[in-house]
Amino acid sequence: MSEHIIERRAVPRHRVLKGATIAFDGRGLACTVRNLSSAGAAVDFATPGVSLPPSFMLLIEKDQFSRRCRPVWRNDKRFGVAFE
């Protein structure tokens, strides 16, 4: 049986695999960006149970990329974030 996935994102995301940092309150949490668009991203953490504040910075140092974000969904070790 074929399953249909309904895309709910306004902007399509592109698969990537980039090391990044979530920065807030003078702290940095290492993460991996799994997909990215002009509107948001999906990021993975090494361990479950990560707690994020309502607003933070996503930094991809290698690409000199930084965006203010807010979490919009969570699934185990992965968060979806929207750029503000």
N, C-alpha and C. Protein backbone atom coordinates (compact mmCIF):
# COMPACT_ATOMS: atom_id res chain seq x y z
N MET A 1 0.84 -1.16 0.00
CA MET A 1 0.00 0.00 0.00
C MET A 1 0.90 1.24 0.00
N SER A 2 0.60 2.18 -0.84
CA SER A 2 1.38 3.41 -0.97
C SER A 2 0.91 4.44 0.05
N GLU A 3 1.87 5.07 0.72
CA GLU A 3 1.54 6.13 1.66
C GLU A 3 1.84 7.47 1.01
N HIS A 4 0.97 8.43 1.20
CA HIS A 4 1.16 9.75 0.66
C HIS A 4 1.54 10.70 1.80
N ILE A 5 2.61 11.42 1.58
CA ILE A 5 3.06 12.40 2.57
C ILE A 5 2.61 13.77 2.09
N ILE A 6 1.95 14.49 2.96
CA ILE A 6 1.48 15.82 2.63
C ILE A 6 2.52 16.83 3.11
N GLU A 7 3.06 17.58 2.18
CA GLU A 7 4.04 18.61 2.51
C GLU A 7 3.31 19.84 3.03
N ARG A 8 3.61 20.23 4.28
CA ARG A 8 2.93 21.37 4.88
C ARG A 8 3.82 22.60 4.95
N ARG A 9 5.04 22.50 4.53
CA ARG A 9 5.94 23.64 4.59
C ARG A 9 5.64 24.60 3.45
N ALA A 10 5.75 25.90 3.74
CA ALA A 10 5.53 26.93 2.72
C ALA A 10 6.71 26.99 1.75
N VAL A 11 7.91 26.64 2.25
CA VAL A 11 9.13 26.68 1.45
C VAL A 11 9.79 25.31 1.53
N PRO A 12 10.09 24.68 0.38
CA PRO A 12 10.73 23.36 0.43
C PRO A 12 12.11 23.42 1.07
N ARG A 13 12.45 22.38 1.83
CA ARG A 13 13.76 22.30 2.46
C ARG A 13 14.66 21.38 1.64
N HIS A 14 15.97 21.62 1.75
CA HIS A 14 16.97 20.83 1.04
C HIS A 14 17.78 20.04 2.06
N ARG A 15 18.02 18.78 1.76
CA ARG A 15 18.80 17.93 2.66
C ARG A 15 20.23 18.43 2.74
N VAL A 16 20.73 18.51 3.96
CA VAL A 16 22.12 18.88 4.22
C VAL A 16 22.62 18.05 5.39
N LEU A 17 23.88 18.11 5.65
CA LEU A 17 24.47 17.46 6.82
C LEU A 17 25.60 18.38 7.29
N LYS A 18 25.25 19.30 8.19
CA LYS A 18 26.19 20.33 8.61
C LYS A 18 26.24 20.42 10.13
N GLY A 19 27.43 20.48 10.66
CA GLY A 19 27.60 20.71 12.08
C GLY A 19 27.22 22.15 12.40
N ALA A 20 26.54 22.35 13.52
CA ALA A 20 26.07 23.68 13.89
C ALA A 20 26.03 23.81 15.40
N THR A 21 25.69 25.02 15.83
CA THR A 21 25.56 25.32 17.26
C THR A 21 24.27 26.09 17.48
N ILE A 22 23.53 25.70 18.52
CA ILE A 22 22.39 26.47 18.99
C ILE A 22 22.93 27.33 20.13
N ALA A 23 22.83 28.66 20.01
CA ALA A 23 23.39 29.56 21.01
C ALA A 23 22.30 30.36 21.71
N PHE A 24 22.36 30.37 23.05
CA PHE A 24 21.43 31.16 23.86
C PHE A 24 22.01 31.29 25.27
N ASP A 25 21.72 32.39 25.92
CA ASP A 25 22.15 32.63 27.31
C ASP A 25 23.63 32.37 27.54
N GLY A 26 24.47 32.71 26.56
CA GLY A 26 25.90 32.51 26.71
C GLY A 26 26.34 31.06 26.59
N ARG A 27 25.42 30.16 26.19
CA ARG A 27 25.72 28.73 26.05
C ARG A 27 25.68 28.34 24.58
N GLY A 28 26.28 27.23 24.28
CA GLY A 28 26.21 26.67 22.94
C GLY A 28 25.96 25.18 22.99
N LEU A 29 24.98 24.71 22.25
CA LEU A 29 24.69 23.28 22.16
C LEU A 29 25.01 22.80 20.75
N ALA A 30 25.87 21.80 20.65
CA ALA A 30 26.22 21.24 19.35
C ALA A 30 25.02 20.50 18.77
N CYS A 31 24.83 20.65 17.46
CA CYS A 31 23.74 19.96 16.77
C CYS A 31 24.16 19.71 15.33
N THR A 32 23.32 18.97 14.60
CA THR A 32 23.53 18.72 13.19
C THR A 32 22.31 19.19 12.43
N VAL A 33 22.53 20.04 11.43
CA VAL A 33 21.43 20.50 10.58
C VAL A 33 21.20 19.42 9.52
N ARG A 34 19.97 18.92 9.46
CA ARG A 34 19.62 17.84 8.53
C ARG A 34 18.93 18.33 7.27
N ASN A 35 18.16 19.42 7.38
CA ASN A 35 17.61 20.05 6.19
C ASN A 35 17.44 21.53 6.47
N LEU A 36 17.39 22.30 5.38
CA LEU A 36 17.48 23.75 5.50
C LEU A 36 16.72 24.41 4.37
N SER A 37 16.05 25.52 4.68
CA SER A 37 15.40 26.35 3.66
C SER A 37 15.56 27.80 4.06
N SER A 38 14.99 28.68 3.29
CA SER A 38 15.04 30.10 3.63
C SER A 38 14.15 30.41 4.83
N ALA A 39 13.24 29.51 5.18
CA ALA A 39 12.29 29.75 6.27
C ALA A 39 12.60 28.99 7.56
N GLY A 40 13.41 27.92 7.49
CA GLY A 40 13.66 27.14 8.69
C GLY A 40 14.58 25.97 8.45
N ALA A 41 14.68 25.09 9.45
CA ALA A 41 15.59 23.95 9.38
C ALA A 41 15.11 22.86 10.32
N ALA A 42 15.69 21.67 10.14
CA ALA A 42 15.54 20.58 11.09
C ALA A 42 16.92 20.30 11.65
N VAL A 43 17.01 20.24 12.97
CA VAL A 43 18.30 20.00 13.62
C VAL A 43 18.20 18.80 14.55
N ASP A 44 19.27 18.02 14.59
CA ASP A 44 19.36 16.84 15.45
C ASP A 44 20.35 17.10 16.56
N PHE A 45 20.06 16.53 17.73
CA PHE A 45 20.98 16.56 18.86
C PHE A 45 21.44 15.14 19.14
N ALA A 46 22.61 14.99 19.74
CA ALA A 46 23.17 13.67 20.02
C ALA A 46 22.35 12.90 21.05
N THR A 47 21.70 13.62 21.97
CA THR A 47 20.92 12.97 23.01
C THR A 47 19.51 13.52 23.06
N PRO A 48 18.55 12.70 23.48
CA PRO A 48 17.18 13.21 23.65
C PRO A 48 17.08 14.07 24.90
N GLY A 49 15.99 14.76 25.05
CA GLY A 49 15.74 15.54 26.25
C GLY A 49 16.29 16.95 26.23
N VAL A 50 16.77 17.39 25.08
CA VAL A 50 17.27 18.76 24.98
C VAL A 50 16.09 19.71 25.12
N SER A 51 16.29 20.76 25.88
CA SER A 51 15.26 21.78 26.07
C SER A 51 15.75 23.09 25.46
N LEU A 52 14.94 23.67 24.58
CA LEU A 52 15.31 24.92 23.93
C LEU A 52 14.44 26.07 24.41
N PRO A 53 15.01 27.27 24.47
CA PRO A 53 14.22 28.45 24.85
C PRO A 53 13.31 28.89 23.69
N PRO A 54 12.43 29.84 23.92
CA PRO A 54 11.53 30.31 22.87
C PRO A 54 12.24 30.98 21.69
N SER A 55 13.47 31.47 21.90
CA SER A 55 14.22 32.12 20.83
C SER A 55 15.71 31.87 21.05
N PHE A 56 16.45 31.62 19.96
CA PHE A 56 17.88 31.32 20.03
C PHE A 56 18.51 31.56 18.66
N MET A 57 19.83 31.44 18.59
CA MET A 57 20.55 31.59 17.33
C MET A 57 21.01 30.23 16.82
N LEU A 58 20.85 29.99 15.52
CA LEU A 58 21.41 28.81 14.86
C LEU A 58 22.64 29.29 14.12
N LEU A 59 23.80 28.71 14.44
CA LEU A 59 25.07 29.13 13.85
C LEU A 59 25.70 27.96 13.10
N ILE A 60 26.00 28.17 11.83
CA ILE A 60 26.77 27.20 11.03
C ILE A 60 28.06 27.92 10.69
N GLU A 61 29.07 27.74 11.54
CA GLU A 61 30.31 28.50 11.43
C GLU A 61 30.98 28.34 10.08
N LYS A 62 31.02 27.12 9.56
CA LYS A 62 31.68 26.83 8.29
C LYS A 62 31.11 27.69 7.16
N ASP A 63 29.82 27.96 7.19
CA ASP A 63 29.16 28.74 6.13
C ASP A 63 28.96 30.21 6.52
N GLN A 64 29.46 30.61 7.68
CA GLN A 64 29.24 31.96 8.22
C GLN A 64 27.73 32.28 8.21
N PHE A 65 26.95 31.32 8.67
CA PHE A 65 25.49 31.40 8.67
C PHE A 65 25.00 31.60 10.10
N SER A 66 24.16 32.59 10.31
CA SER A 66 23.54 32.75 11.63
C SER A 66 22.13 33.30 11.44
N ARG A 67 21.17 32.68 12.14
CA ARG A 67 19.77 33.10 12.05
C ARG A 67 19.13 32.97 13.43
N ARG A 68 18.33 33.94 13.78
CA ARG A 68 17.52 33.84 15.00
C ARG A 68 16.38 32.88 14.68
N CYS A 69 16.08 31.98 15.62
CA CYS A 69 15.10 30.91 15.40
C CYS A 69 14.15 30.78 16.58
N ARG A 70 13.09 30.02 16.32
CA ARG A 70 12.18 29.58 17.37
C ARG A 70 11.81 28.13 17.06
N PRO A 71 11.67 27.29 18.07
CA PRO A 71 11.28 25.90 17.82
C PRO A 71 9.81 25.83 17.43
N VAL A 72 9.48 24.98 16.46
CA VAL A 72 8.09 24.82 16.05
C VAL A 72 7.57 23.39 16.22
N TRP A 73 8.46 22.40 16.24
CA TRP A 73 8.07 21.03 16.54
C TRP A 73 9.27 20.26 17.09
N ARG A 74 8.96 19.13 17.70
CA ARG A 74 10.00 18.28 18.29
C ARG A 74 9.62 16.82 18.13
N ASN A 75 10.63 15.98 17.87
CA ASN A 75 10.42 14.55 17.74
C ASN A 75 11.69 13.85 18.21
N ASP A 76 11.69 13.34 19.43
CA ASP A 76 12.84 12.65 20.03
C ASP A 76 14.05 13.58 20.06
N LYS A 77 15.05 13.36 19.20
CA LYS A 77 16.27 14.15 19.18
C LYS A 77 16.24 15.26 18.13
N ARG A 78 15.17 15.37 17.37
CA ARG A 78 15.10 16.34 16.26
C ARG A 78 14.11 17.46 16.57
N PHE A 79 14.52 18.67 16.21
CA PHE A 79 13.65 19.85 16.33
C PHE A 79 13.48 20.47 14.95
N GLY A 80 12.30 20.97 14.70
CA GLY A 80 12.08 21.84 13.55
C GLY A 80 12.09 23.27 14.06
N VAL A 81 12.84 24.12 13.37
CA VAL A 81 12.94 25.51 13.79
C VAL A 81 12.54 26.42 12.64
N ALA A 82 11.90 27.53 12.99
CA ALA A 82 11.52 28.54 12.01
C ALA A 82 12.42 29.75 12.22
N PHE A 83 12.88 30.35 11.14
CA PHE A 83 13.67 31.56 11.23
C PHE A 83 12.77 32.75 11.48
N GLU A 84 13.21 33.64 12.34
CA GLU A 84 12.41 34.83 12.68
C GLU A 84 12.77 35.98 11.76
